[in-house]
Amino acid sequence: MSHCLTNLWRPAAYHGRGKTRNYFEGWYYKVVDPTGAHRYAFIPGVFLGPTGEESHAFVQWLNGVTGETRYLRYPLTAFDASRCELNVRVGGNHFFVNRMVLDIGATDLRIEGELRFRNLTPWPVTPLLPGVMGPFAFVPRMETYHGVLSMDHTIEGWLNINGEPTDFWDGRGYMEKDWGRSFPHGWVWVQSNHFADSPGTSLSASVALIPWVNRTFRGFIVGLWHGGRLYRFATYTGARILRLAVDDERVEWSMADGRHRLSIVVQRATPGMLLHMPTGTEMVPRVPETMSATVVVRLVALGRNERVLFQGTGAYAGLETGGEVHTIADVHT
């Protein structure tokens, strides 16, 4: 595939050219059919271990309705990716920013078909802010880098899953990615783009413990796409977390900057799934995720006369509370 001088301003592209060890990169495709009865995530990626013995490509499959997961390993020779754009091949599976072609065959899982994505809503990339990471994208050797490739888009096409055709026409999708050395020691991630009274509205929110020189800090990136506008709350925008409480039933998270206040309340749900994550030496199933949570979102414009800009409930929400959550939560029980 082609090469580019730099892909710093291309978060969707492959960032691992020249890497030979202690590296991972994965792309997360969430697809939901129009009824919500079929909710899946497909995660193609690559893991490069410290010695090469554990290095491999992979495709993870998550069933958000039943809680089933599959982690399919492929040899490194089955992986190829472009530095210029999202163009990833893992075996017979091909992933792009506007479509994916699947040919997954395992002992008890067979998925084939093509889904196309329309009306993508990428997180803006500018010369000074190369995507969701903002200025932190310029910092070398961070533990994890993050990209939001589409906050919301519509889906066209069918998948044949174990012989059963599944119609995804007019469904909705979401797309992001991670790359680096390993996952953070503690993090919370929330995502939904299924707000019944506000089609097109989408939330993507993450907070994590970030290593920085000889210390750590609680860094966060939150985007609410609503009414054709992206409302950003992040460490680098000067926003602050007012409260972050995590327990076995819910996550309560509120934040504010000089102009807006955003509150997020997530109700956990079953079934839960365990995703594989990189530890630096291997990929292990340690990430608890659900795609069946509900999230209540409230956005308020601050000022002499506060007013509610948006309030809604998001369905089929993705939720992860991973690692040592107590290191980032104000309240953790």
C-alpha atoms as a PDB file:
ATOM      1  CA  MET A   1       0.000   0.000   0.000  1.00  0.00           C
ATOM      2  CA  SER A   2       1.031   3.620  -0.424  1.00  0.00           C
ATOM      3  CA  HIS A   3       3.192   5.634   1.958  1.00  0.00           C
ATOM      4  CA  CYS A   4       2.782   9.209   3.213  1.00  0.00           C
ATOM      5  CA  LEU A   5       5.296  11.649   4.655  1.00  0.00           C
ATOM      6  CA  THR A   6       3.309  11.853   7.908  1.00  0.00           C
ATOM      7  CA  ASN A   7       0.004  10.530   9.151  1.00  0.00           C
ATOM      8  CA  LEU A   8      -0.238  12.737  12.226  1.00  0.00           C
ATOM      9  CA  TRP A   9      -3.256  14.450  10.675  1.00  0.00           C
ATOM     10  CA  ARG A  10      -4.698  11.136   9.501  1.00  0.00           C
ATOM     11  CA  PRO A  11      -5.884   9.444  12.711  1.00  0.00           C
ATOM     12  CA  ALA A  12      -7.809   6.785  10.765  1.00  0.00           C
ATOM     13  CA  ALA A  13      -4.690   5.546   8.955  1.00  0.00           C
ATOM     14  CA  TYR A  14      -2.194   2.969  10.211  1.00  0.00           C
ATOM     15  CA  HIS A  15       0.406   4.403  12.611  1.00  0.00           C
ATOM     16  CA  GLY A  16       2.557   1.314  13.075  1.00  0.00           C
ATOM     17  CA  ARG A  17       4.885   1.447  10.068  1.00  0.00           C
ATOM     18  CA  GLY A  18       8.393   0.737  11.289  1.00  0.00           C
ATOM     19  CA  LYS A  19       7.173  -0.758  14.586  1.00  0.00           C
ATOM     20  CA  THR A  20       8.456  -4.249  15.342  1.00  0.00           C
ATOM     21  CA  ARG A  21       7.546  -4.810  19.009  1.00  0.00           C
ATOM     22  CA  ASN A  22       5.563  -3.455  21.985  1.00  0.00           C
ATOM     23  CA  TYR A  23       2.820  -1.984  19.826  1.00  0.00           C
ATOM     24  CA  PHE A  24      -0.880  -2.425  19.134  1.00  0.00           C
ATOM     25  CA  GLU A  25      -3.432  -0.797  16.869  1.00  0.00           C
ATOM     26  CA  GLY A  26      -7.131  -1.537  16.536  1.00  0.00           C
ATOM     27  CA  TRP A  27     -10.150  -0.057  14.754  1.00  0.00           C
ATOM     28  CA  TYR A  28     -13.595  -0.301  16.377  1.00  0.00           C
ATOM     29  CA  TYR A  29     -16.663  -0.583  14.121  1.00  0.00           C
ATOM     30  CA  LYS A  30     -20.020  -0.578  15.910  1.00  0.00           C
ATOM     31  CA  VAL A  31     -23.039  -1.478  13.759  1.00  0.00           C
ATOM     32  CA  VAL A  32     -26.684  -1.575  14.853  1.00  0.00           C
ATOM     33  CA  ASP A  33     -29.579  -2.616  12.645  1.00  0.00           C
ATOM     34  CA  PRO A  34     -32.659  -0.323  12.467  1.00  0.00           C
ATOM     35  CA  THR A  35     -34.597  -2.417  15.005  1.00  0.00           C
ATOM     36  CA  GLY A  36     -31.766  -2.641  17.534  1.00  0.00           C
ATOM     37  CA  ALA A  37     -32.160  -6.425  17.594  1.00  0.00           C
ATOM     38  CA  HIS A  38     -28.715  -6.938  16.056  1.00  0.00           C
ATOM     39  CA  ARG A  39     -25.841  -5.021  17.633  1.00  0.00           C
ATOM     40  CA  TYR A  40     -22.274  -5.951  16.795  1.00  0.00           C
ATOM     41  CA  ALA A  41     -18.769  -4.592  17.025  1.00  0.00           C
ATOM     42  CA  PHE A  42     -15.938  -5.654  14.732  1.00  0.00           C
ATOM     43  CA  ILE A  43     -12.382  -4.798  15.781  1.00  0.00           C
ATOM     44  CA  PRO A  44      -9.601  -5.519  13.291  1.00  0.00           C
ATOM     45  CA  GLY A  45      -6.085  -4.904  14.497  1.00  0.00           C
ATOM     46  CA  VAL A  46      -2.503  -5.956  15.057  1.00  0.00           C
ATOM     47  CA  PHE A  47      -0.413  -6.737  18.139  1.00  0.00           C
ATOM     48  CA  LEU A  48       3.399  -6.728  18.179  1.00  0.00           C
ATOM     49  CA  GLY A  49       4.812  -8.399  21.283  1.00  0.00           C
ATOM     50  CA  PRO A  50       8.216  -7.834  22.906  1.00  0.00           C
ATOM     51  CA  THR A  51       9.810 -10.952  21.358  1.00  0.00           C
ATOM     52  CA  GLY A  52       7.701 -11.619  18.288  1.00  0.00           C
ATOM     53  CA  GLU A  53       6.328 -14.929  19.550  1.00  0.00           C
ATOM     54  CA  GLU A  54       3.025 -13.320  20.549  1.00  0.00           C
ATOM     55  CA  SER A  55       2.808 -10.985  17.543  1.00  0.00           C
ATOM     56  CA  HIS A  56      -0.279 -11.493  15.408  1.00  0.00           C
ATOM     57  CA  ALA A  57      -3.168  -9.814  13.618  1.00  0.00           C
ATOM     58  CA  PHE A  58      -6.720 -10.226  14.843  1.00  0.00           C
ATOM     59  CA  VAL A  59     -10.404  -9.585  14.350  1.00  0.00           C
ATOM     60  CA  GLN A  60     -12.578  -9.358  17.459  1.00  0.00           C
ATOM     61  CA  TRP A  61     -16.322  -9.868  17.146  1.00  0.00           C
ATOM     62  CA  LEU A  62     -18.766  -8.755  19.835  1.00  0.00           C
ATOM     63  CA  ASN A  63     -22.473  -9.542  20.009  1.00  0.00           C
ATOM     64  CA  GLY A  64     -24.023  -6.773  22.071  1.00  0.00           C
ATOM     65  CA  VAL A  65     -27.333  -8.627  22.435  1.00  0.00           C
ATOM     66  CA  THR A  66     -26.148 -12.047  23.625  1.00  0.00           C
ATOM     67  CA  GLY A  67     -22.758 -11.124  25.099  1.00  0.00           C
ATOM     68  CA  GLU A  68     -20.913 -13.553  22.831  1.00  0.00           C
ATOM     69  CA  THR A  69     -17.374 -12.677  21.762  1.00  0.00           C
ATOM     70  CA  ARG A  70     -14.788 -14.203  19.473  1.00  0.00           C
ATOM     71  CA  TYR A  71     -11.110 -13.340  19.192  1.00  0.00           C
ATOM     72  CA  LEU A  72      -9.773 -14.606  15.877  1.00  0.00           C
ATOM     73  CA  ARG A  73      -5.984 -14.691  15.494  1.00  0.00           C
ATOM     74  CA  TYR A  74      -4.230 -14.366  12.149  1.00  0.00           C
ATOM     75  CA  PRO A  75      -0.521 -14.480  11.249  1.00  0.00           C
ATOM     76  CA  LEU A  76       1.171 -11.131  10.685  1.00  0.00           C
ATOM     77  CA  THR A  77       1.437 -12.003   7.005  1.00  0.00           C
ATOM     78  CA  ALA A  78      -2.374 -11.774   6.825  1.00  0.00           C
ATOM     79  CA  PHE A  79      -2.272  -8.093   7.891  1.00  0.00           C
ATOM     80  CA  ASP A  80      -1.738  -5.048   5.705  1.00  0.00           C
ATOM     81  CA  ALA A  81      -2.677  -1.403   6.236  1.00  0.00           C
ATOM     82  CA  SER A  82      -2.167   2.018   4.671  1.00  0.00           C
ATOM     83  CA  ARG A  83      -0.409   4.965   6.305  1.00  0.00           C
ATOM     84  CA  CYS A  84      -2.479   7.373   4.209  1.00  0.00           C
ATOM     85  CA  GLU A  85      -6.053   6.280   4.844  1.00  0.00           C
ATOM     86  CA  LEU A  86      -8.176   3.700   6.585  1.00  0.00           C
ATOM     87  CA  ASN A  87      -7.470   0.668   4.420  1.00  0.00           C
ATOM     88  CA  VAL A  88      -6.898  -2.428   6.533  1.00  0.00           C
ATOM     89  CA  ARG A  89      -6.810  -6.069   5.514  1.00  0.00           C
ATOM     90  CA  VAL A  90      -6.874  -8.989   7.950  1.00  0.00           C
ATOM     91  CA  GLY A  91      -7.105 -12.259   6.078  1.00  0.00           C
ATOM     92  CA  GLY A  92     -10.155 -12.112   3.820  1.00  0.00           C
ATOM     93  CA  ASN A  93     -11.612  -9.147   5.741  1.00  0.00           C
ATOM     94  CA  HIS A  94     -11.193  -5.613   4.402  1.00  0.00           C
ATOM     95  CA  PHE A  95     -11.966  -2.434   6.344  1.00  0.00           C
ATOM     96  CA  PHE A  96     -12.307   1.125   5.044  1.00  0.00           C
ATOM     97  CA  VAL A  97     -13.715   4.356   6.456  1.00  0.00           C
ATOM     98  CA  ASN A  98     -16.839   4.046   4.307  1.00  0.00           C
ATOM     99  CA  ARG A  99     -17.364   0.266   4.195  1.00  0.00           C
ATOM    100  CA  MET A 100     -16.249  -3.123   5.420  1.00  0.00           C
ATOM    101  CA  VAL A 101     -16.166  -6.468   3.645  1.00  0.00           C
ATOM    102  CA  LEU A 102     -16.283  -9.487   5.940  1.00  0.00           C
ATOM    103  CA  ASP A 103     -15.255 -13.088   5.405  1.00  0.00           C
ATOM    104  CA  ILE A 104     -14.958 -14.535   8.907  1.00  0.00           C
ATOM    105  CA  GLY A 105     -14.775 -18.283   9.274  1.00  0.00           C
ATOM    106  CA  ALA A 106     -14.339 -20.072  12.600  1.00  0.00           C
ATOM    107  CA  THR A 107     -15.470 -23.389  14.027  1.00  0.00           C
ATOM    108  CA  ASP A 108     -18.784 -22.003  15.261  1.00  0.00           C
ATOM    109  CA  LEU A 109     -18.947 -18.605  13.565  1.00  0.00           C
ATOM    110  CA  ARG A 110     -19.364 -17.671   9.924  1.00  0.00           C
ATOM    111  CA  ILE A 111     -19.912 -14.028   8.902  1.00  0.00           C
ATOM    112  CA  GLU A 112     -19.792 -12.733   5.360  1.00  0.00           C
ATOM    113  CA  GLY A 113     -21.135  -9.698   3.564  1.00  0.00           C
ATOM    114  CA  GLU A 114     -20.520  -6.005   2.977  1.00  0.00           C
ATOM    115  CA  LEU A 115     -21.740  -2.962   4.891  1.00  0.00           C
ATOM    116  CA  ARG A 116     -21.414   0.558   3.479  1.00  0.00           C
ATOM    117  CA  PHE A 117     -21.391   3.716   5.585  1.00  0.00           C
ATOM    118  CA  ARG A 118     -22.962   7.014   4.509  1.00  0.00           C
ATOM    119  CA  ASN A 119     -23.093  10.540   5.992  1.00  0.00           C
ATOM    120  CA  LEU A 120     -20.060  10.061   8.221  1.00  0.00           C
ATOM    121  CA  THR A 121     -19.471  12.512  11.076  1.00  0.00           C
ATOM    122  CA  PRO A 122     -15.712  12.533  11.781  1.00  0.00           C
ATOM    123  CA  TRP A 123     -14.161  14.393  14.696  1.00  0.00           C
ATOM    124  CA  PRO A 124     -12.649  17.522  13.068  1.00  0.00           C
ATOM    125  CA  VAL A 125      -8.951  17.495  12.160  1.00  0.00           C
ATOM    126  CA  THR A 126      -7.184  20.878  11.969  1.00  0.00           C
ATOM    127  CA  PRO A 127      -3.501  21.910  11.731  1.00  0.00           C
ATOM    128  CA  LEU A 128      -3.325  22.626  15.478  1.00  0.00           C
ATOM    129  CA  LEU A 129      -5.740  19.935  16.648  1.00  0.00           C
ATOM    130  CA  PRO A 130      -5.175  16.672  14.736  1.00  0.00           C
ATOM    131  CA  GLY A 131      -8.359  14.984  15.899  1.00  0.00           C
ATOM    132  CA  VAL A 132      -9.798  14.019  19.257  1.00  0.00           C
ATOM    133  CA  MET A 133      -6.382  13.979  21.008  1.00  0.00           C
ATOM    134  CA  GLY A 134      -5.935  17.691  20.360  1.00  0.00           C
ATOM    135  CA  PRO A 135      -2.387  18.922  21.113  1.00  0.00           C
ATOM    136  CA  PHE A 136      -1.572  15.618  22.865  1.00  0.00           C
ATOM    137  CA  ALA A 137      -1.404  14.067  19.391  1.00  0.00           C
ATOM    138  CA  PHE A 138       1.961  15.837  18.992  1.00  0.00           C
ATOM    139  CA  VAL A 139       3.408  14.227  22.144  1.00  0.00           C
ATOM    140  CA  PRO A 140       5.640  11.219  21.332  1.00  0.00           C
ATOM    141  CA  ARG A 141       5.602   7.893  23.174  1.00  0.00           C
ATOM    142  CA  MET A 142       2.280   8.267  24.933  1.00  0.00           C
ATOM    143  CA  GLU A 143       0.876   5.034  26.348  1.00  0.00           C
ATOM    144  CA  THR A 144      -2.288   5.169  24.225  1.00  0.00           C
ATOM    145  CA  TYR A 145      -3.524   7.353  21.366  1.00  0.00           C
ATOM    146  CA  HIS A 146      -7.192   7.634  20.492  1.00  0.00           C
ATOM    147  CA  GLY A 147      -9.155   8.615  17.396  1.00  0.00           C
ATOM    148  CA  VAL A 148     -12.868   9.133  16.741  1.00  0.00           C
ATOM    149  CA  LEU A 149     -13.410   8.425  13.058  1.00  0.00           C
ATOM    150  CA  SER A 150     -17.187   8.866  12.851  1.00  0.00           C
ATOM    151  CA  MET A 151     -19.512   9.949  15.644  1.00  0.00           C
ATOM    152  CA  ASP A 152     -22.527   8.771  13.664  1.00  0.00           C
ATOM    153  CA  HIS A 153     -23.384   7.427  10.223  1.00  0.00           C
ATOM    154  CA  THR A 154     -26.042   5.434   8.415  1.00  0.00           C
ATOM    155  CA  ILE A 155     -25.525   1.877   7.194  1.00  0.00           C
ATOM    156  CA  GLU A 156     -26.414   0.125   3.955  1.00  0.00           C
ATOM    157  CA  GLY A 157     -26.102  -3.588   3.280  1.00  0.00           C
ATOM    158  CA  TRP A 158     -26.524  -7.096   4.620  1.00  0.00           C
ATOM    159  CA  LEU A 159     -24.521  -9.583   6.655  1.00  0.00           C
ATOM    160  CA  ASN A 160     -24.954 -13.340   6.556  1.00  0.00           C
ATOM    161  CA  ILE A 161     -24.292 -14.640  10.067  1.00  0.00           C
ATOM    162  CA  ASN A 162     -24.174 -18.410  10.453  1.00  0.00           C
ATOM    163  CA  GLY A 163     -26.449 -18.773   7.460  1.00  0.00           C
ATOM    164  CA  GLU A 164     -28.970 -16.166   8.619  1.00  0.00           C
ATOM    165  CA  PRO A 165     -29.264 -12.961   6.524  1.00  0.00           C
ATOM    166  CA  THR A 166     -29.339  -9.789   8.631  1.00  0.00           C
ATOM    167  CA  ASP A 167     -30.571  -6.513   7.146  1.00  0.00           C
ATOM    168  CA  PHE A 168     -28.612  -3.417   8.245  1.00  0.00           C
ATOM    169  CA  TRP A 169     -30.164  -0.960   5.788  1.00  0.00           C
ATOM    170  CA  ASP A 170     -30.953   2.336   7.577  1.00  0.00           C
ATOM    171  CA  GLY A 171     -29.085   1.184  10.664  1.00  0.00           C
ATOM    172  CA  ARG A 172     -26.579   3.369  12.484  1.00  0.00           C
ATOM    173  CA  GLY A 173     -22.880   3.016  13.115  1.00  0.00           C
ATOM    174  CA  TYR A 174     -19.975   4.477  15.073  1.00  0.00           C
ATOM    175  CA  MET A 175     -16.226   4.200  14.444  1.00  0.00           C
ATOM    176  CA  GLU A 176     -13.096   4.852  16.539  1.00  0.00           C
ATOM    177  CA  LYS A 177      -9.600   3.470  17.095  1.00  0.00           C
ATOM    178  CA  ASP A 178      -6.731   3.137  19.585  1.00  0.00           C
ATOM    179  CA  TRP A 179      -3.012   2.626  19.125  1.00  0.00           C
ATOM    180  CA  GLY A 180       0.144   2.704  21.232  1.00  0.00           C
ATOM    181  CA  ARG A 181       1.890   0.449  23.759  1.00  0.00           C
ATOM    182  CA  SER A 182      -0.905  -0.619  26.120  1.00  0.00           C
ATOM    183  CA  PHE A 183      -4.246   0.411  27.571  1.00  0.00           C
ATOM    184  CA  PRO A 184      -4.350   2.838  30.535  1.00  0.00           C
ATOM    185  CA  HIS A 185      -4.264   1.560  34.124  1.00  0.00           C
ATOM    186  CA  GLY A 186      -7.794   2.814  34.643  1.00  0.00           C
ATOM    187  CA  TRP A 187     -10.451   4.239  32.353  1.00  0.00           C
ATOM    188  CA  VAL A 188     -14.151   4.828  31.672  1.00  0.00           C
ATOM    189  CA  TRP A 189     -15.614   4.939  28.149  1.00  0.00           C
ATOM    190  CA  VAL A 190     -19.191   5.766  27.144  1.00  0.00           C
ATOM    191  CA  GLN A 191     -20.728   5.942  23.667  1.00  0.00           C
ATOM    192  CA  SER A 192     -24.206   6.187  22.157  1.00  0.00           C
ATOM    193  CA  ASN A 193     -25.662   7.526  18.924  1.00  0.00           C
ATOM    194  CA  HIS A 194     -29.195   6.213  19.443  1.00  0.00           C
ATOM    195  CA  PHE A 195     -31.179   9.124  20.877  1.00  0.00           C
ATOM    196  CA  ALA A 196     -34.752   8.389  19.770  1.00  0.00           C
ATOM    197  CA  ASP A 197     -35.962  11.996  19.865  1.00  0.00           C
ATOM    198  CA  SER A 198     -32.821  13.394  18.249  1.00  0.00           C
ATOM    199  CA  PRO A 199     -31.508  11.287  15.333  1.00  0.00           C
ATOM    200  CA  GLY A 200     -27.899  12.132  14.523  1.00  0.00           C
ATOM    201  CA  THR A 201     -27.025  13.166  18.069  1.00  0.00           C
ATOM    202  CA  SER A 202     -24.014  11.233  19.328  1.00  0.00           C
ATOM    203  CA  LEU A 203     -21.931  11.038  22.493  1.00  0.00           C
ATOM    204  CA  SER A 204     -18.355   9.803  22.772  1.00  0.00           C
ATOM    205  CA  ALA A 205     -16.712  10.161  26.183  1.00  0.00           C
ATOM    206  CA  SER A 206     -13.571   8.756  27.776  1.00  0.00           C
ATOM    207  CA  VAL A 207     -11.495   9.457  30.866  1.00  0.00           C
ATOM    208  CA  ALA A 208      -8.275   7.708  31.833  1.00  0.00           C
ATOM    209  CA  LEU A 209      -5.222   7.815  34.058  1.00  0.00           C
ATOM    210  CA  ILE A 210      -2.470   9.280  31.867  1.00  0.00           C
ATOM    211  CA  PRO A 211       1.269   8.782  32.608  1.00  0.00           C
ATOM    212  CA  TRP A 212       3.114  12.086  32.217  1.00  0.00           C
ATOM    213  CA  VAL A 213       6.869  12.425  32.860  1.00  0.00           C
ATOM    214  CA  ASN A 214       7.210  11.352  36.530  1.00  0.00           C
ATOM    215  CA  ARG A 215       3.558  11.589  37.487  1.00  0.00           C
ATOM    216  CA  THR A 216       0.052  10.787  36.291  1.00  0.00           C
ATOM    217  CA  PHE A 217      -3.056  12.866  35.719  1.00  0.00           C
ATOM    218  CA  ARG A 218      -6.731  12.294  34.967  1.00  0.00           C
ATOM    219  CA  GLY A 219      -7.234  13.157  31.322  1.00  0.00           C
ATOM    220  CA  PHE A 220     -10.563  13.198  29.546  1.00  0.00           C
ATOM    221  CA  ILE A 221     -12.044  13.758  26.092  1.00  0.00           C
ATOM    222  CA  VAL A 222     -15.782  14.171  25.582  1.00  0.00           C
ATOM    223  CA  GLY A 223     -17.675  15.100  22.448  1.00  0.00           C
ATOM    224  CA  LEU A 224     -21.420  15.615  22.059  1.00  0.00           C
ATOM    225  CA  TRP A 225     -22.508  16.011  18.454  1.00  0.00           C
ATOM    226  CA  HIS A 226     -25.901  17.706  18.395  1.00  0.00           C
ATOM    227  CA  GLY A 227     -27.685  19.970  15.956  1.00  0.00           C
ATOM    228  CA  GLY A 228     -24.763  19.995  13.532  1.00  0.00           C
ATOM    229  CA  ARG A 229     -22.307  21.157  16.207  1.00  0.00           C
ATOM    230  CA  LEU A 230     -19.632  19.381  18.229  1.00  0.00           C
ATOM    231  CA  TYR A 231     -19.562  20.363  21.913  1.00  0.00           C
ATOM    232  CA  ARG A 232     -16.097  19.465  23.247  1.00  0.00           C
ATOM    233  CA  PHE A 233     -15.044  19.004  26.844  1.00  0.00           C
ATOM    234  CA  ALA A 234     -11.438  17.933  27.337  1.00  0.00           C
ATOM    235  CA  THR A 235      -8.365  18.413  29.458  1.00  0.00           C
ATOM    236  CA  TYR A 236      -6.835  20.476  26.661  1.00  0.00           C
ATOM    237  CA  THR A 237      -9.907  22.739  26.270  1.00  0.00           C
ATOM    238  CA  GLY A 238      -9.745  23.870  29.906  1.00  0.00           C
ATOM    239  CA  ALA A 239     -12.870  21.958  30.913  1.00  0.00           C
ATOM    240  CA  ARG A 240     -12.955  20.346  34.345  1.00  0.00           C
ATOM    241  CA  ILE A 241     -14.633  17.299  35.823  1.00  0.00           C
ATOM    242  CA  LEU A 242     -17.129  18.252  38.517  1.00  0.00           C
ATOM    243  CA  ARG A 243     -17.913  14.699  39.602  1.00  0.00           C
ATOM    244  CA  LEU A 244     -17.145  11.147  38.492  1.00  0.00           C
ATOM    245  CA  ALA A 245     -18.815   8.371  40.477  1.00  0.00           C
ATOM    246  CA  VAL A 246     -18.664   4.709  39.475  1.00  0.00           C
ATOM    247  CA  ASP A 247     -20.405   1.750  41.107  1.00  0.00           C
ATOM    248  CA  ASP A 248     -21.782  -1.632  40.095  1.00  0.00           C
ATOM    249  CA  GLU A 249     -25.020  -0.170  38.740  1.00  0.00           C
ATOM    250  CA  ARG A 250     -24.222   3.198  37.194  1.00  0.00           C
ATOM    251  CA  VAL A 251     -21.729   5.858  36.216  1.00  0.00           C
ATOM    252  CA  GLU A 252     -22.422   9.523  37.042  1.00  0.00           C
ATOM    253  CA  TRP A 253     -20.174  12.036  35.336  1.00  0.00           C
ATOM    254  CA  SER A 254     -20.519  15.816  35.154  1.00  0.00           C
ATOM    255  CA  MET A 255     -18.166  18.398  33.665  1.00  0.00           C
ATOM    256  CA  ALA A 256     -18.106  22.044  32.674  1.00  0.00           C
ATOM    257  CA  ASP A 257     -16.173  24.739  30.898  1.00  0.00           C
ATOM    258  CA  GLY A 258     -16.805  28.479  30.821  1.00  0.00           C
ATOM    259  CA  ARG A 259     -19.881  28.178  28.600  1.00  0.00           C
ATOM    260  CA  HIS A 260     -21.525  24.788  29.089  1.00  0.00           C
ATOM    261  CA  ARG A 261     -22.171  22.077  31.638  1.00  0.00           C
ATOM    262  CA  LEU A 262     -22.634  18.460  30.582  1.00  0.00           C
ATOM    263  CA  SER A 263     -23.948  15.641  32.743  1.00  0.00           C
ATOM    264  CA  ILE A 264     -23.898  11.953  31.844  1.00  0.00           C
ATOM    265  CA  VAL A 265     -25.657   9.219  33.816  1.00  0.00           C
ATOM    266  CA  VAL A 266     -25.118   5.680  32.551  1.00  0.00           C
ATOM    267  CA  GLN A 267     -27.161   2.712  33.728  1.00  0.00           C
ATOM    268  CA  ARG A 268     -25.197  -0.502  33.424  1.00  0.00           C
ATOM    269  CA  ALA A 269     -26.759  -3.481  31.667  1.00  0.00           C
ATOM    270  CA  THR A 270     -26.250  -7.128  30.949  1.00  0.00           C
ATOM    271  CA  PRO A 271     -25.046  -9.022  29.109  1.00  0.00           C
ATOM    272  CA  GLY A 272     -21.467  -7.943  29.511  1.00  0.00           C
ATOM    273  CA  MET A 273     -18.534  -9.033  27.381  1.00  0.00           C
ATOM    274  CA  LEU A 274     -14.783  -9.323  27.842  1.00  0.00           C
ATOM    275  CA  LEU A 275     -12.686  -7.721  25.119  1.00  0.00           C
ATOM    276  CA  HIS A 276      -9.048  -8.555  24.559  1.00  0.00           C
ATOM    277  CA  MET A 277      -6.670  -5.734  25.453  1.00  0.00           C
ATOM    278  CA  PRO A 278      -2.902  -5.215  25.076  1.00  0.00           C
ATOM    279  CA  THR A 279      -0.795  -5.399  28.230  1.00  0.00           C
ATOM    280  CA  GLY A 280       2.529  -4.773  26.523  1.00  0.00           C
ATOM    281  CA  THR A 281       3.423  -8.469  26.458  1.00  0.00           C
ATOM    282  CA  GLU A 282       0.217 -10.122  25.236  1.00  0.00           C
ATOM    283  CA  MET A 283      -3.450  -9.667  24.357  1.00  0.00           C
ATOM    284  CA  VAL A 284      -5.704 -10.787  27.209  1.00  0.00           C
ATOM    285  CA  PRO A 285      -9.514 -10.760  27.747  1.00  0.00           C
ATOM    286  CA  ARG A 286      -9.798  -8.154  30.506  1.00  0.00           C
ATOM    287  CA  VAL A 287     -11.955  -5.309  29.188  1.00  0.00           C
ATOM    288  CA  PRO A 288     -15.553  -5.468  30.467  1.00  0.00           C
ATOM    289  CA  GLU A 289     -17.909  -3.916  27.910  1.00  0.00           C
ATOM    290  CA  THR A 290     -21.631  -3.783  27.318  1.00  0.00           C
ATOM    291  CA  MET A 291     -23.519  -2.496  24.280  1.00  0.00           C
ATOM    292  CA  SER A 292     -26.860  -2.511  26.107  1.00  0.00           C
ATOM    293  CA  ALA A 293     -26.468   0.328  28.604  1.00  0.00           C
ATOM    294  CA  THR A 294     -28.619   3.460  28.625  1.00  0.00           C
ATOM    295  CA  VAL A 295     -27.207   6.955  29.034  1.00  0.00           C
ATOM    296  CA  VAL A 296     -29.058  10.114  30.040  1.00  0.00           C
ATOM    297  CA  VAL A 297     -27.358  13.246  28.709  1.00  0.00           C
ATOM    298  CA  ARG A 298     -28.077  16.855  29.671  1.00  0.00           C
ATOM    299  CA  LEU A 299     -26.301  19.858  28.121  1.00  0.00           C
ATOM    300  CA  VAL A 300     -26.820  23.279  29.703  1.00  0.00           C
ATOM    301  CA  ALA A 301     -25.702  26.699  28.471  1.00  0.00           C
ATOM    302  CA  LEU A 302     -24.269  28.640  31.399  1.00  0.00           C
ATOM    303  CA  GLY A 303     -24.851  32.298  32.125  1.00  0.00           C
ATOM    304  CA  ARG A 304     -27.232  34.574  33.958  1.00  0.00           C
ATOM    305  CA  ASN A 305     -30.153  32.597  32.590  1.00  0.00           C
ATOM    306  CA  GLU A 306     -29.149  28.979  32.244  1.00  0.00           C
ATOM    307  CA  ARG A 307     -30.955  27.056  29.535  1.00  0.00           C
ATOM    308  CA  VAL A 308     -31.070  23.418  28.522  1.00  0.00           C
ATOM    309  CA  LEU A 309     -29.671  22.920  25.020  1.00  0.00           C
ATOM    310  CA  PHE A 310     -30.230  19.175  24.947  1.00  0.00           C
ATOM    311  CA  GLN A 311     -31.627  16.465  27.148  1.00  0.00           C
ATOM    312  CA  GLY A 312     -32.138  12.918  25.957  1.00  0.00           C
ATOM    313  CA  THR A 313     -31.669   9.232  26.612  1.00  0.00           C
ATOM    314  CA  GLY A 314     -29.318   7.188  24.461  1.00  0.00           C
ATOM    315  CA  ALA A 315     -29.990   3.497  23.904  1.00  0.00           C
ATOM    316  CA  TYR A 316     -27.615   0.650  22.995  1.00  0.00           C
ATOM    317  CA  ALA A 317     -24.860   2.553  24.764  1.00  0.00           C
ATOM    318  CA  GLY A 318     -21.348   1.194  24.930  1.00  0.00           C
ATOM    319  CA  LEU A 319     -19.815   1.261  28.407  1.00  0.00           C
ATOM    320  CA  GLU A 320     -16.403   0.211  29.646  1.00  0.00           C
ATOM    321  CA  THR A 321     -15.067   0.676  33.176  1.00  0.00           C
ATOM    322  CA  GLY A 322     -11.655  -0.907  32.936  1.00  0.00           C
ATOM    323  CA  GLY A 323      -8.567  -1.408  35.020  1.00  0.00           C
ATOM    324  CA  GLU A 324      -8.116   0.416  38.315  1.00  0.00           C
ATOM    325  CA  VAL A 325     -11.141   2.701  38.061  1.00  0.00           C
ATOM    326  CA  HIS A 326     -10.604   3.964  41.606  1.00  0.00           C
ATOM    327  CA  THR A 327      -7.548   5.882  40.335  1.00  0.00           C
ATOM    328  CA  ILE A 328      -9.762   8.221  38.285  1.00  0.00           C
ATOM    329  CA  ALA A 329     -13.147   8.223  40.054  1.00  0.00           C
ATOM    330  CA  ASP A 330     -14.076  10.688  42.783  1.00  0.00           C
ATOM    331  CA  VAL A 331     -16.395   8.012  44.193  1.00  0.00           C
ATOM    332  CA  HIS A 332     -15.917   4.296  43.467  1.00  0.00           C
ATOM    333  CA  THR A 333     -17.905   1.569  45.214  1.00  0.00           C
END
